[in-house]
Amino acid sequence: MFIQELMQYQIQYKQNVFLKEYTTLHIGGRAHIMIFPKSVQEIEQCLKLCQKYDMIYVVLGKGSNILASDQGYHGVIINLTMFCEMKRLDGQRICVQSGATLKNVCDFCLQQELTGLEFACGIPGTIGGAVYMNAGAYGGEMQDVVEKVVYLDDKGVKTLSHSEMQFSYRHSYFSQQKGIILEVICCLKIGDKELMKKQMNDLMRRRHEK
């Protein structure tokens, strides 16, 4: 019935997929069901179905920093990699859906000539995962640019301001509280495209050398 309802709501899914194909360490056995929602409404529907059929679930992005068991996962995996739109808001702010990779976000900022996220250009994973753990590198952290975060929990869609995110070293509000990060609003600065590109290339070179 769970699968039938997914089909009814036209939510993309796969059955019996190997987690090793969805983790950067390329490890992990079979996952019973993996869902690929493309909108907030589809994510909400996934949670409702999991609750309705009493199914455990876990949220996955690009699968970086994930140690997936060879025994697999006998529940639902909500894969957010198709939930990845980006747009520029007024002035120096961008809104990014949580499944967007940091590389794509940095490339988008480069095109928009908005500086502040260059430090993240070589970090694997999605912006949602980066906010979750306050990822950082080369002197920068997500807390330096995040203005607010929109997320979903059992009670609906909510918003956290920067001060409410409880950022610290590799820690955020979501390290202790349940919730699916939906959108991240970042406040950046107007930058010089050539200088930004040079810095990003330099950071990528330094990362590969290590």
C-alpha atoms as a PDB file:
ATOM      1  CA  MET A   1       0.000   0.000   0.000  1.00  0.00           C
ATOM      2  CA  PHE A   2       2.868   2.364   0.728  1.00  0.00           C
ATOM      3  CA  ILE A   3       4.213   1.970  -2.808  1.00  0.00           C
ATOM      4  CA  GLN A   4       0.731   2.311  -4.283  1.00  0.00           C
ATOM      5  CA  GLU A   5       0.249   5.645  -2.535  1.00  0.00           C
ATOM      6  CA  LEU A   6       3.651   6.873  -3.729  1.00  0.00           C
ATOM      7  CA  MET A   7       2.524   6.052  -7.247  1.00  0.00           C
ATOM      8  CA  GLN A   8      -0.804   7.766  -6.633  1.00  0.00           C
ATOM      9  CA  TYR A   9       0.985  10.995  -5.662  1.00  0.00           C
ATOM     10  CA  GLN A  10       3.455  10.527  -8.551  1.00  0.00           C
ATOM     11  CA  ILE A  11       6.465  10.645  -6.232  1.00  0.00           C
ATOM     12  CA  GLN A  12       9.556   9.099  -7.783  1.00  0.00           C
ATOM     13  CA  TYR A  13      10.995   6.086  -5.963  1.00  0.00           C
ATOM     14  CA  LYS A  14      13.230   3.032  -6.336  1.00  0.00           C
ATOM     15  CA  GLN A  15      13.153  -0.296  -4.527  1.00  0.00           C
ATOM     16  CA  ASN A  16      16.032  -2.497  -3.360  1.00  0.00           C
ATOM     17  CA  VAL A  17      18.808  -0.079  -4.310  1.00  0.00           C
ATOM     18  CA  PHE A  18      22.386  -0.458  -3.083  1.00  0.00           C
ATOM     19  CA  LEU A  19      23.406   2.304  -0.698  1.00  0.00           C
ATOM     20  CA  LYS A  20      26.977   2.020  -1.975  1.00  0.00           C
ATOM     21  CA  GLU A  21      25.728   3.759  -5.120  1.00  0.00           C
ATOM     22  CA  TYR A  22      24.546   6.742  -3.055  1.00  0.00           C
ATOM     23  CA  THR A  23      27.433   7.276  -0.618  1.00  0.00           C
ATOM     24  CA  THR A  24      30.781   8.922  -1.329  1.00  0.00           C
ATOM     25  CA  LEU A  25      32.605   6.060   0.404  1.00  0.00           C
ATOM     26  CA  HIS A  26      30.753   3.601  -1.859  1.00  0.00           C
ATOM     27  CA  ILE A  27      29.696   1.288   0.933  1.00  0.00           C
ATOM     28  CA  GLY A  28      26.313  -0.024   2.045  1.00  0.00           C
ATOM     29  CA  GLY A  29      23.862  -2.805   1.323  1.00  0.00           C
ATOM     30  CA  ARG A  30      20.345  -2.676  -0.030  1.00  0.00           C
ATOM     31  CA  ALA A  31      17.811  -0.054   0.954  1.00  0.00           C
ATOM     32  CA  HIS A  32      14.213  -1.238   0.924  1.00  0.00           C
ATOM     33  CA  ILE A  33      12.758   1.964  -0.554  1.00  0.00           C
ATOM     34  CA  MET A  34      14.421   5.190  -1.679  1.00  0.00           C
ATOM     35  CA  ILE A  35      12.214   8.174  -2.468  1.00  0.00           C
ATOM     36  CA  PHE A  36      13.226  11.196  -4.557  1.00  0.00           C
ATOM     37  CA  PRO A  37      10.871  14.096  -3.737  1.00  0.00           C
ATOM     38  CA  LYS A  38      11.103  17.240  -5.864  1.00  0.00           C
ATOM     39  CA  SER A  39       9.036  19.687  -3.814  1.00  0.00           C
ATOM     40  CA  VAL A  40       8.108  20.630  -0.264  1.00  0.00           C
ATOM     41  CA  GLN A  41       4.671  19.123  -0.852  1.00  0.00           C
ATOM     42  CA  GLU A  42       6.181  15.788  -1.879  1.00  0.00           C
ATOM     43  CA  ILE A  43       8.487  15.770   1.161  1.00  0.00           C
ATOM     44  CA  GLU A  44       5.491  16.471   3.399  1.00  0.00           C
ATOM     45  CA  GLN A  45       3.583  13.635   1.740  1.00  0.00           C
ATOM     46  CA  CYS A  46       6.517  11.265   2.275  1.00  0.00           C
ATOM     47  CA  LEU A  47       6.496  12.004   6.010  1.00  0.00           C
ATOM     48  CA  LYS A  48       2.725  11.517   6.209  1.00  0.00           C
ATOM     49  CA  LEU A  49       3.001   8.137   4.482  1.00  0.00           C
ATOM     50  CA  CYS A  50       5.834   7.046   6.780  1.00  0.00           C
ATOM     51  CA  GLN A  51       3.700   7.972   9.781  1.00  0.00           C
ATOM     52  CA  LYS A  52       0.603   6.333   8.311  1.00  0.00           C
ATOM     53  CA  TYR A  53       2.361   3.014   7.699  1.00  0.00           C
ATOM     54  CA  ASP A  54       4.622   3.241  10.767  1.00  0.00           C
ATOM     55  CA  MET A  55       7.790   3.114   8.669  1.00  0.00           C
ATOM     56  CA  ILE A  56      11.147   4.376   9.864  1.00  0.00           C
ATOM     57  CA  TYR A  57      12.964   6.798   7.587  1.00  0.00           C
ATOM     58  CA  VAL A  58      16.236   8.630   7.201  1.00  0.00           C
ATOM     59  CA  VAL A  59      17.097  11.674   5.095  1.00  0.00           C
ATOM     60  CA  LEU A  60      20.000  11.462   2.629  1.00  0.00           C
ATOM     61  CA  GLY A  61      21.769  14.024   0.479  1.00  0.00           C
ATOM     62  CA  LYS A  62      24.935  13.215  -1.457  1.00  0.00           C
ATOM     63  CA  GLY A  63      25.909  10.593   1.104  1.00  0.00           C
ATOM     64  CA  SER A  64      29.157  12.204   2.251  1.00  0.00           C
ATOM     65  CA  ASN A  65      30.306  11.375   5.809  1.00  0.00           C
ATOM     66  CA  ILE A  66      27.857   8.459   5.792  1.00  0.00           C
ATOM     67  CA  LEU A  67      28.837   4.963   6.944  1.00  0.00           C
ATOM     68  CA  ALA A  68      26.080   2.773   5.508  1.00  0.00           C
ATOM     69  CA  SER A  69      25.839  -0.770   6.820  1.00  0.00           C
ATOM     70  CA  ASP A  70      26.469  -3.687   4.479  1.00  0.00           C
ATOM     71  CA  GLN A  71      23.275  -5.126   5.943  1.00  0.00           C
ATOM     72  CA  GLY A  72      21.379  -2.294   4.319  1.00  0.00           C
ATOM     73  CA  TYR A  73      18.496  -0.223   5.659  1.00  0.00           C
ATOM     74  CA  HIS A  74      15.062  -1.760   6.180  1.00  0.00           C
ATOM     75  CA  GLY A  75      13.074   1.421   6.016  1.00  0.00           C
ATOM     76  CA  VAL A  76      12.501   4.467   3.823  1.00  0.00           C
ATOM     77  CA  ILE A  77      15.313   6.700   2.610  1.00  0.00           C
ATOM     78  CA  ILE A  78      14.234  10.187   1.576  1.00  0.00           C
ATOM     79  CA  ASN A  79      16.834  11.261  -0.966  1.00  0.00           C
ATOM     80  CA  LEU A  80      16.822  15.046  -1.450  1.00  0.00           C
ATOM     81  CA  THR A  81      19.232  15.326  -4.379  1.00  0.00           C
ATOM     82  CA  MET A  82      16.379  16.211  -6.770  1.00  0.00           C
ATOM     83  CA  PHE A  83      15.216  18.971  -4.419  1.00  0.00           C
ATOM     84  CA  CYS A  84      17.904  21.391  -5.526  1.00  0.00           C
ATOM     85  CA  GLU A  85      16.641  24.665  -6.999  1.00  0.00           C
ATOM     86  CA  MET A  86      18.511  27.928  -6.423  1.00  0.00           C
ATOM     87  CA  LYS A  87      17.448  31.527  -6.892  1.00  0.00           C
ATOM     88  CA  ARG A  88      18.714  34.991  -6.144  1.00  0.00           C
ATOM     89  CA  LEU A  89      16.526  37.064  -3.891  1.00  0.00           C
ATOM     90  CA  ASP A  90      16.775  40.815  -3.418  1.00  0.00           C
ATOM     91  CA  GLY A  91      20.302  42.209  -3.514  1.00  0.00           C
ATOM     92  CA  GLN A  92      22.874  39.920  -1.935  1.00  0.00           C
ATOM     93  CA  ARG A  93      20.724  37.029  -0.720  1.00  0.00           C
ATOM     94  CA  ILE A  94      20.138  33.625  -2.266  1.00  0.00           C
ATOM     95  CA  CYS A  95      17.621  30.900  -1.470  1.00  0.00           C
ATOM     96  CA  VAL A  96      18.783  27.323  -2.000  1.00  0.00           C
ATOM     97  CA  GLN A  97      16.839  24.079  -1.633  1.00  0.00           C
ATOM     98  CA  SER A  98      18.614  21.682   0.693  1.00  0.00           C
ATOM     99  CA  GLY A  99      19.482  19.012  -1.881  1.00  0.00           C
ATOM    100  CA  ALA A 100      21.690  21.319  -3.960  1.00  0.00           C
ATOM    101  CA  THR A 101      25.365  20.359  -3.907  1.00  0.00           C
ATOM    102  CA  LEU A 102      27.817  22.856  -2.478  1.00  0.00           C
ATOM    103  CA  LYS A 103      29.706  22.802  -5.762  1.00  0.00           C
ATOM    104  CA  ASN A 104      26.605  23.828  -7.699  1.00  0.00           C
ATOM    105  CA  VAL A 105      25.772  26.505  -5.132  1.00  0.00           C
ATOM    106  CA  CYS A 106      29.294  27.929  -5.374  1.00  0.00           C
ATOM    107  CA  ASP A 107      29.106  27.902  -9.173  1.00  0.00           C
ATOM    108  CA  PHE A 108      25.749  29.710  -8.962  1.00  0.00           C
ATOM    109  CA  CYS A 109      27.260  32.338  -6.643  1.00  0.00           C
ATOM    110  CA  LEU A 110      30.138  32.790  -9.070  1.00  0.00           C
ATOM    111  CA  GLN A 111      27.708  33.427 -11.924  1.00  0.00           C
ATOM    112  CA  GLN A 112      25.794  35.894  -9.760  1.00  0.00           C
ATOM    113  CA  GLU A 113      29.053  37.541  -8.567  1.00  0.00           C
ATOM    114  CA  LEU A 114      28.158  36.992  -4.917  1.00  0.00           C
ATOM    115  CA  THR A 115      31.092  36.247  -2.651  1.00  0.00           C
ATOM    116  CA  GLY A 116      31.270  34.540   0.733  1.00  0.00           C
ATOM    117  CA  LEU A 117      30.848  30.847  -0.025  1.00  0.00           C
ATOM    118  CA  GLU A 118      34.130  30.197  -1.796  1.00  0.00           C
ATOM    119  CA  PHE A 119      35.437  28.251   1.203  1.00  0.00           C
ATOM    120  CA  ALA A 120      32.811  25.571   0.521  1.00  0.00           C
ATOM    121  CA  CYS A 121      33.590  24.952  -3.159  1.00  0.00           C
ATOM    122  CA  GLY A 122      35.477  21.717  -2.489  1.00  0.00           C
ATOM    123  CA  ILE A 123      33.364  20.331   0.337  1.00  0.00           C
ATOM    124  CA  PRO A 124      31.433  17.250  -0.817  1.00  0.00           C
ATOM    125  CA  GLY A 125      27.751  17.014  -0.084  1.00  0.00           C
ATOM    126  CA  THR A 126      24.687  19.223  -0.127  1.00  0.00           C
ATOM    127  CA  ILE A 127      23.999  22.595   1.425  1.00  0.00           C
ATOM    128  CA  GLY A 128      21.441  20.969   3.711  1.00  0.00           C
ATOM    129  CA  GLY A 129      24.074  18.635   5.119  1.00  0.00           C
ATOM    130  CA  ALA A 130      26.548  21.494   5.375  1.00  0.00           C
ATOM    131  CA  VAL A 131      24.119  23.562   7.447  1.00  0.00           C
ATOM    132  CA  TYR A 132      23.239  20.540   9.584  1.00  0.00           C
ATOM    133  CA  MET A 133      26.866  20.170  10.715  1.00  0.00           C
ATOM    134  CA  ASN A 134      28.001  23.771  10.215  1.00  0.00           C
ATOM    135  CA  ALA A 135      30.569  22.596   7.681  1.00  0.00           C
ATOM    136  CA  GLY A 136      33.642  24.699   7.091  1.00  0.00           C
ATOM    137  CA  ALA A 137      37.070  24.860   5.518  1.00  0.00           C
ATOM    138  CA  TYR A 138      39.914  27.331   5.024  1.00  0.00           C
ATOM    139  CA  GLY A 139      38.692  29.796   7.604  1.00  0.00           C
ATOM    140  CA  GLY A 140      35.030  29.845   6.647  1.00  0.00           C
ATOM    141  CA  GLU A 141      31.933  28.130   8.057  1.00  0.00           C
ATOM    142  CA  MET A 142      28.281  27.961   7.057  1.00  0.00           C
ATOM    143  CA  GLN A 143      27.355  30.084  10.060  1.00  0.00           C
ATOM    144  CA  ASP A 144      29.209  32.973   8.396  1.00  0.00           C
ATOM    145  CA  VAL A 145      26.668  33.187   5.568  1.00  0.00           C
ATOM    146  CA  VAL A 146      23.417  31.569   6.723  1.00  0.00           C
ATOM    147  CA  GLU A 147      20.668  34.099   7.476  1.00  0.00           C
ATOM    148  CA  LYS A 148      17.817  31.694   8.127  1.00  0.00           C
ATOM    149  CA  VAL A 149      16.717  28.124   7.528  1.00  0.00           C
ATOM    150  CA  VAL A 150      13.307  26.744   6.565  1.00  0.00           C
ATOM    151  CA  TYR A 151      12.644  23.226   7.795  1.00  0.00           C
ATOM    152  CA  LEU A 152       9.926  20.637   8.217  1.00  0.00           C
ATOM    153  CA  ASP A 153       9.067  18.640  11.316  1.00  0.00           C
ATOM    154  CA  ASP A 154       6.046  16.670  12.485  1.00  0.00           C
ATOM    155  CA  LYS A 155       4.153  19.906  13.141  1.00  0.00           C
ATOM    156  CA  GLY A 156       4.732  21.503   9.742  1.00  0.00           C
ATOM    157  CA  VAL A 157       7.028  23.994   8.029  1.00  0.00           C
ATOM    158  CA  LYS A 158       8.975  26.324  10.318  1.00  0.00           C
ATOM    159  CA  THR A 159      11.758  28.908  10.070  1.00  0.00           C
ATOM    160  CA  LEU A 160      14.844  29.444  12.215  1.00  0.00           C
ATOM    161  CA  SER A 161      16.818  32.687  12.289  1.00  0.00           C
ATOM    162  CA  HIS A 162      20.608  32.685  12.436  1.00  0.00           C
ATOM    163  CA  SER A 163      20.593  33.174  16.215  1.00  0.00           C
ATOM    164  CA  GLU A 164      18.157  30.280  16.660  1.00  0.00           C
ATOM    165  CA  MET A 165      20.373  27.896  14.683  1.00  0.00           C
ATOM    166  CA  GLN A 166      22.705  27.399  17.679  1.00  0.00           C
ATOM    167  CA  PHE A 167      25.774  27.228  15.451  1.00  0.00           C
ATOM    168  CA  SER A 168      29.068  26.057  16.946  1.00  0.00           C
ATOM    169  CA  TYR A 169      31.950  23.905  15.724  1.00  0.00           C
ATOM    170  CA  ARG A 170      30.383  21.212  13.488  1.00  0.00           C
ATOM    171  CA  HIS A 171      27.105  21.664  15.298  1.00  0.00           C
ATOM    172  CA  SER A 172      23.706  23.269  14.752  1.00  0.00           C
ATOM    173  CA  TYR A 173      20.148  23.140  16.048  1.00  0.00           C
ATOM    174  CA  PHE A 174      19.588  20.032  13.921  1.00  0.00           C
ATOM    175  CA  SER A 175      22.373  18.106  15.644  1.00  0.00           C
ATOM    176  CA  GLN A 176      19.962  17.551  18.542  1.00  0.00           C
ATOM    177  CA  GLN A 177      16.493  18.257  17.152  1.00  0.00           C
ATOM    178  CA  LYS A 178      14.541  16.388  14.508  1.00  0.00           C
ATOM    179  CA  GLY A 179      13.638  18.144  11.290  1.00  0.00           C
ATOM    180  CA  ILE A 180      14.276  18.116   7.559  1.00  0.00           C
ATOM    181  CA  ILE A 181      16.058  21.183   6.250  1.00  0.00           C
ATOM    182  CA  LEU A 182      14.140  22.490   3.231  1.00  0.00           C
ATOM    183  CA  GLU A 183      15.665  25.825   2.231  1.00  0.00           C
ATOM    184  CA  VAL A 184      18.701  27.831   3.219  1.00  0.00           C
ATOM    185  CA  ILE A 185      18.798  31.608   2.827  1.00  0.00           C
ATOM    186  CA  CYS A 186      22.338  32.956   2.647  1.00  0.00           C
ATOM    187  CA  CYS A 187      23.423  36.585   2.876  1.00  0.00           C
ATOM    188  CA  LEU A 188      26.511  37.226   0.770  1.00  0.00           C
ATOM    189  CA  LYS A 189      28.434  40.197  -0.614  1.00  0.00           C
ATOM    190  CA  ILE A 190      28.947  41.616  -4.078  1.00  0.00           C
ATOM    191  CA  GLY A 191      32.193  40.172  -5.392  1.00  0.00           C
ATOM    192  CA  ASP A 192      34.591  40.319  -8.310  1.00  0.00           C
ATOM    193  CA  LYS A 193      34.024  37.323 -10.557  1.00  0.00           C
ATOM    194  CA  GLU A 194      37.660  36.888 -11.576  1.00  0.00           C
ATOM    195  CA  LEU A 195      38.934  37.149  -7.999  1.00  0.00           C
ATOM    196  CA  MET A 196      36.281  34.690  -6.840  1.00  0.00           C
ATOM    197  CA  LYS A 197      37.208  32.226  -9.570  1.00  0.00           C
ATOM    198  CA  LYS A 198      40.887  32.518  -8.696  1.00  0.00           C
ATOM    199  CA  GLN A 199      40.181  31.868  -5.014  1.00  0.00           C
ATOM    200  CA  MET A 200      37.987  28.865  -5.765  1.00  0.00           C
ATOM    201  CA  ASN A 201      40.609  27.349  -8.060  1.00  0.00           C
ATOM    202  CA  ASP A 202      43.277  27.902  -5.418  1.00  0.00           C
ATOM    203  CA  LEU A 203      41.206  26.237  -2.700  1.00  0.00           C
ATOM    204  CA  MET A 204      40.435  23.283  -4.957  1.00  0.00           C
ATOM    205  CA  ARG A 205      44.134  22.910  -5.733  1.00  0.00           C
ATOM    206  CA  ARG A 206      45.027  22.970  -2.030  1.00  0.00           C
ATOM    207  CA  ARG A 207      42.346  20.400  -1.257  1.00  0.00           C
ATOM    208  CA  HIS A 208      43.560  18.012  -3.987  1.00  0.00           C
ATOM    209  CA  GLU A 209      47.148  18.359  -2.802  1.00  0.00           C
ATOM    210  CA  LYS A 210      46.096  17.183   0.651  1.00  0.00           C
END
